[in-house]
Protein backbone atom coordinates (compact mmCIF):
# COMPACT_ATOMS: atom_id res chain seq x y z
CA UNK A 1 0.00 0.00 0.00
CA UNK A 2 1.18 3.55 -0.74
CA UNK A 3 2.47 5.00 2.55
CA UNK A 4 2.45 8.53 1.16
CA UNK A 5 -1.33 8.69 1.10
CA UNK A 6 -3.26 11.53 2.67
CA UNK A 7 -4.92 11.18 6.07
CA UNK A 8 -8.34 11.10 4.37
CA UNK A 9 -7.23 8.25 2.11
CA UNK A 10 -5.85 6.41 5.11
CA UNK A 11 -9.08 6.79 7.07
CA UNK A 12 -11.08 5.68 4.02
CA UNK A 13 -8.92 2.56 3.94
CA UNK A 14 -9.34 1.92 7.67
CA UNK A 15 -13.12 2.37 7.47
CA UNK A 16 -13.19 0.12 4.41
CA UNK A 17 -12.69 -2.81 6.77
CA UNK A 18 -16.38 -2.49 7.64
CA UNK A 19 -17.64 -2.82 4.04
CA UNK A 20 -18.10 -6.59 4.26
CA UNK A 21 -19.35 -6.62 7.87
CA UNK A 22 -23.11 -6.36 8.53
CA UNK A 23 -24.09 -3.13 10.23
CA UNK A 24 -25.47 -3.23 13.76
CA UNK A 25 -27.28 -0.81 16.06
CA UNK A 26 -25.37 0.98 18.76
CA UNK A 27 -26.58 -0.46 22.06
CA UNK A 28 -24.68 1.79 24.44
CA UNK A 29 -22.29 4.74 24.52
CA UNK A 30 -20.10 5.49 27.52
CA UNK A 31 -18.22 8.78 27.78
CA UNK A 32 -15.49 8.90 30.39
CA UNK A 33 -12.92 11.50 31.32
CA UNK A 34 -10.23 9.75 29.26
CA UNK A 35 -11.94 6.98 27.28
CA UNK A 36 -14.99 6.53 25.05
CA UNK A 37 -16.71 3.16 24.62
CA UNK A 38 -19.16 2.05 21.94
CA UNK A 39 -21.09 -1.20 22.32
CA UNK A 40 -22.50 -3.16 19.40
CA UNK A 41 -21.01 -6.49 18.25
CA UNK A 42 -18.55 -6.02 21.11
CA UNK A 43 -17.28 -3.11 23.18
CA UNK A 44 -14.91 -0.86 21.23
CA UNK A 45 -12.71 1.64 23.04
CA UNK A 46 -10.72 4.71 22.11
CA UNK A 47 -8.85 7.25 24.17
CA UNK A 48 -9.97 10.81 23.55
CA UNK A 49 -7.74 12.58 21.03
CA UNK A 50 -7.96 15.71 23.10
CA UNK A 51 -5.58 17.68 25.26
CA UNK A 52 -8.44 18.63 27.61
CA UNK A 53 -9.36 16.26 30.43
CA UNK A 54 -12.11 15.79 31.31
CA UNK A 55 -13.37 16.30 27.79
CA UNK A 56 -16.47 18.36 26.92
CA UNK A 57 -18.98 15.81 25.61
CA UNK A 58 -22.11 17.98 25.42
CA UNK A 59 -22.07 18.03 21.60
CA UNK A 60 -21.70 14.27 21.22
CA UNK A 61 -24.70 12.02 20.50
CA UNK A 62 -26.55 9.87 22.99
CA UNK A 63 -26.93 6.18 22.21
CA UNK A 64 -30.53 6.67 21.00
CA UNK A 65 -29.30 9.28 18.49
CA UNK A 66 -26.77 6.93 16.89
CA UNK A 67 -28.63 5.14 14.11
CA UNK A 68 -25.97 2.51 13.41
CA UNK A 69 -22.36 1.65 14.11
CA UNK A 70 -21.26 2.33 10.53
CA UNK A 71 -22.86 5.75 10.60
CA UNK A 72 -21.10 6.53 13.87
CA UNK A 73 -17.79 5.22 12.52
CA UNK A 74 -17.88 7.82 9.75
CA UNK A 75 -17.18 10.41 12.44
CA UNK A 76 -13.57 9.24 12.17
CA UNK A 77 -13.36 11.74 9.29
CA UNK A 78 -14.56 14.62 11.47
CA UNK A 79 -12.13 17.44 12.28
CA UNK A 80 -13.47 17.55 15.83
CA UNK A 81 -11.07 15.24 17.72
CA UNK A 82 -13.80 14.12 20.12
CA UNK A 83 -16.11 13.04 17.31
CA UNK A 84 -13.20 11.39 15.53
CA UNK A 85 -12.37 9.44 18.71
CA UNK A 86 -16.00 8.34 18.94
CA UNK A 87 -15.82 7.17 15.33
CA UNK A 88 -12.72 5.10 16.08
CA UNK A 89 -14.40 3.43 19.07
CA UNK A 90 -17.41 2.65 16.86
CA UNK A 91 -15.14 1.04 14.26
CA UNK A 92 -13.50 -1.07 16.96
CA UNK A 93 -16.89 -2.24 18.24
CA UNK A 94 -17.85 -3.77 14.90
CA UNK A 95 -14.59 -5.49 13.95
CA UNK A 96 -14.66 -9.31 14.11
CA UNK A 97 -13.06 -10.96 17.10
CA UNK A 98 -9.37 -11.62 16.37
CA UNK A 99 -8.20 -15.19 15.79
CA UNK A 100 -6.75 -16.27 19.12
CA UNK A 101 -3.92 -18.29 17.53
CA UNK A 102 -2.67 -15.09 15.88
CA UNK A 103 -2.31 -13.23 19.17
CA UNK A 104 0.62 -12.69 21.49
CA UNK A 105 -0.71 -12.40 25.02
CA UNK A 106 1.64 -9.63 26.11
CA UNK A 107 1.48 -5.86 26.45
CA UNK A 108 3.12 -3.42 24.09
CA UNK A 109 5.63 -2.17 26.65
CA UNK A 110 7.10 -5.64 27.21
CA UNK A 111 7.26 -6.32 23.49
CA UNK A 112 9.12 -3.04 22.88
CA UNK A 113 11.57 -3.92 25.65
CA UNK A 114 12.29 -7.26 23.98
CA UNK A 115 12.46 -6.11 20.36
CA UNK A 116 14.35 -2.91 21.13
CA UNK A 117 17.44 -4.40 22.77
CA UNK A 118 20.57 -2.61 21.51
CA UNK A 119 18.49 -0.61 19.03
CA UNK A 120 17.34 2.97 18.45
CA UNK A 121 13.76 2.99 19.71
CA UNK A 122 11.20 5.75 19.19
CA UNK A 123 7.76 5.93 20.79
CA UNK A 124 5.14 8.39 19.57
CA UNK A 125 2.87 9.16 22.49
CA UNK A 126 3.84 9.36 26.16
CA UNK A 127 2.65 5.98 27.47
CA UNK A 128 3.07 5.10 31.17
CA UNK A 129 5.64 2.42 30.30
CA UNK A 130 8.15 4.89 28.81
CA UNK A 131 9.31 5.86 32.31
CA UNK A 132 10.95 2.45 32.80
CA UNK A 133 12.57 2.44 29.37
CA UNK A 134 15.09 5.21 29.87
CA UNK A 135 18.60 3.77 29.46
CA UNK A 136 17.36 0.40 28.17
CA UNK A 137 18.20 0.90 24.50
CA UNK A 138 21.03 2.11 22.30
CA UNK A 139 19.01 5.31 21.90
CA UNK A 140 15.50 6.19 23.03
CA UNK A 141 13.20 9.05 22.08
CA UNK A 142 9.59 9.83 22.96
CA UNK A 143 7.65 12.28 20.81
CA UNK A 144 4.56 13.99 22.17
CA UNK A 145 2.22 16.80 21.09
CA UNK A 146 2.24 17.98 24.71
CA UNK A 147 5.76 16.97 25.84
CA UNK A 148 6.38 15.84 29.38
CA UNK A 149 9.80 15.79 31.01
CA UNK A 150 12.30 14.16 28.63
CA UNK A 151 9.93 14.09 25.65
CA UNK A 152 10.60 15.70 22.29
CA UNK A 153 8.17 17.93 20.44
CA UNK A 154 6.17 16.10 17.79
CA UNK A 155 7.47 18.64 15.25
CA UNK A 156 10.89 16.92 15.50
CA UNK A 157 9.56 13.60 14.17
CA UNK A 158 10.73 14.20 10.54
CA UNK A 159 14.24 14.96 11.77
CA UNK A 160 14.80 12.00 14.10
CA UNK A 161 12.37 9.21 13.18
CA UNK A 162 14.15 8.04 9.98
CA UNK A 163 17.06 6.80 12.13
CA UNK A 164 14.92 4.64 14.42
CA UNK A 165 15.15 0.83 14.23
CA UNK A 166 11.85 0.36 16.06
CA UNK A 167 8.93 2.77 16.02
CA UNK A 168 5.87 2.41 18.29
CA UNK A 169 3.02 4.73 17.31
CA UNK A 170 -0.04 5.49 19.40
CA UNK A 171 -3.30 4.67 17.62
CA UNK A 172 -4.55 8.08 18.70
CA UNK A 173 -2.67 9.33 15.62
CA UNK A 174 -5.55 7.85 13.59
CA UNK A 175 -8.14 10.07 15.29
CA UNK A 176 -5.97 13.17 15.67
CA UNK A 177 -5.15 13.08 11.94
CA UNK A 178 -1.34 12.75 12.20
CA UNK A 179 -0.65 9.12 11.23
CA UNK A 180 -0.37 9.80 7.49
CA UNK A 181 2.40 12.31 8.16
CA UNK A 182 4.31 10.00 10.51
CA UNK A 183 4.54 6.75 8.53
CA UNK A 184 6.59 8.21 5.62
CA UNK A 185 9.18 9.34 8.20
CA UNK A 186 9.85 5.75 9.27
CA UNK A 187 12.76 3.86 7.75
CA UNK A 188 11.55 1.08 5.41
CA UNK A 189 13.59 -1.37 7.49
CA UNK A 190 12.19 -0.25 10.86
CA UNK A 191 9.95 -2.52 12.89
CA UNK A 192 6.68 -0.64 13.32
CA UNK A 193 4.03 -1.10 16.00
CA UNK A 194 0.59 0.50 16.30
CA UNK A 195 -0.25 0.55 20.00
CA UNK A 196 -2.82 1.59 22.57
CA UNK A 197 -6.47 0.90 23.46
CA UNK A 198 -7.68 2.76 20.35
CA UNK A 199 -5.92 0.29 18.04
CA UNK A 200 -8.15 -1.55 15.54
CA UNK A 201 -7.29 -5.24 16.00
CA UNK A 202 -7.51 -6.10 12.33
CA UNK A 203 -5.05 -7.74 9.92
CA UNK A 204 -5.94 -4.98 7.43
CA UNK A 205 -3.80 -2.62 9.50
CA UNK A 206 -0.69 -4.51 8.43
CA UNK A 207 -1.20 -3.12 4.94
CA UNK A 208 -0.27 0.29 6.35
CA UNK A 209 3.21 -1.11 7.03
CA UNK A 210 2.94 -2.23 10.65
CA UNK A 211 4.58 -5.42 11.89
CA UNK A 212 2.61 -5.58 15.14
CA UNK A 213 -0.85 -4.34 16.09
CA UNK A 214 -1.05 -3.96 19.88
CA UNK A 215 -4.47 -3.33 21.36
CA UNK A 216 -6.94 -4.71 23.85
CA UNK A 217 -9.77 -7.21 24.10
CA UNK A 218 -12.61 -6.35 26.49
CA UNK A 219 -13.28 -9.41 28.61
CA UNK A 220 -15.70 -7.91 31.12
CA UNK A 221 -17.90 -5.15 29.66
CA UNK A 222 -19.50 -4.26 32.97
CA UNK A 223 -16.18 -3.86 34.75
CA UNK A 224 -14.68 -1.85 31.90
CA UNK A 225 -17.78 0.34 31.62
CA UNK A 226 -17.76 1.04 35.35
CA UNK A 227 -14.13 2.13 35.20
CA UNK A 228 -14.77 4.43 32.23
CA UNK A 229 -17.81 5.97 33.93
CA UNK A 230 -15.68 6.58 37.03
CA UNK A 231 -13.18 8.57 34.98
CA UNK A 232 -10.31 6.10 35.08
CA UNK A 233 -7.39 6.41 32.69
CA UNK A 234 -6.65 3.34 30.61
CA UNK A 235 -3.73 2.14 32.77
CA UNK A 236 -6.21 1.85 35.67
CA UNK A 237 -8.97 0.14 33.69
CA UNK A 238 -10.00 -3.41 34.59
CA UNK A 239 -11.90 -5.94 32.51
CA UNK A 240 -9.55 -5.66 29.51
CA UNK A 241 -6.67 -7.79 28.26
CA UNK A 242 -3.61 -6.58 26.36
CA UNK A 243 -2.98 -8.54 23.17
CA UNK A 244 -0.78 -8.18 20.11
CA UNK A 245 -1.60 -9.21 16.57
CA UNK A 246 1.43 -9.92 14.43
CA UNK A 247 2.12 -10.47 10.76
CA UNK A 248 3.34 -13.84 9.55
CA UNK A 249 6.81 -12.38 9.03
CA UNK A 250 6.99 -10.69 12.45
CA UNK A 251 8.70 -13.73 13.93
CA UNK A 252 11.94 -12.70 12.24
CA UNK A 253 11.96 -9.61 14.50
CA UNK A 254 11.33 -11.35 17.81
CA UNK A 255 12.88 -13.73 20.29
CA UNK A 256 10.69 -15.97 22.43
CA UNK A 257 9.27 -13.66 25.04
CA UNK A 258 9.52 -14.85 28.65
CA UNK A 259 6.09 -13.37 29.51
CA UNK A 260 4.41 -14.66 26.37
CA UNK A 261 1.69 -17.24 26.50
CA UNK A 262 -0.67 -18.16 23.70
CA UNK A 263 -4.34 -17.54 24.31
Foldseek 3Di string as FASTA:
>chain_A
DDLLDALVVVLVLLLVLCVPFDKWAWPFWFAFQFKIWTATQHIFIFGQLDPDTRDDCPPPDGSVVGGILSVQLVLCPPQPSRSVRSNLSSSQNRDDDDDLQQKWQDAPLLQCLFLQAQFEEEEEDDDPSVVVCVPSYVHYAYEYCDDDPRHDHNVCLLVPQCRGQEYEYEPSCSSNRNSSVRLVSHHLNHAYEYEDQSWRPDPSVCVSPHFKYKHKDQQDVVQQSVCRNVRDHPVPGPRIGIMMGGDPPSVVSGDDRPPTDGD
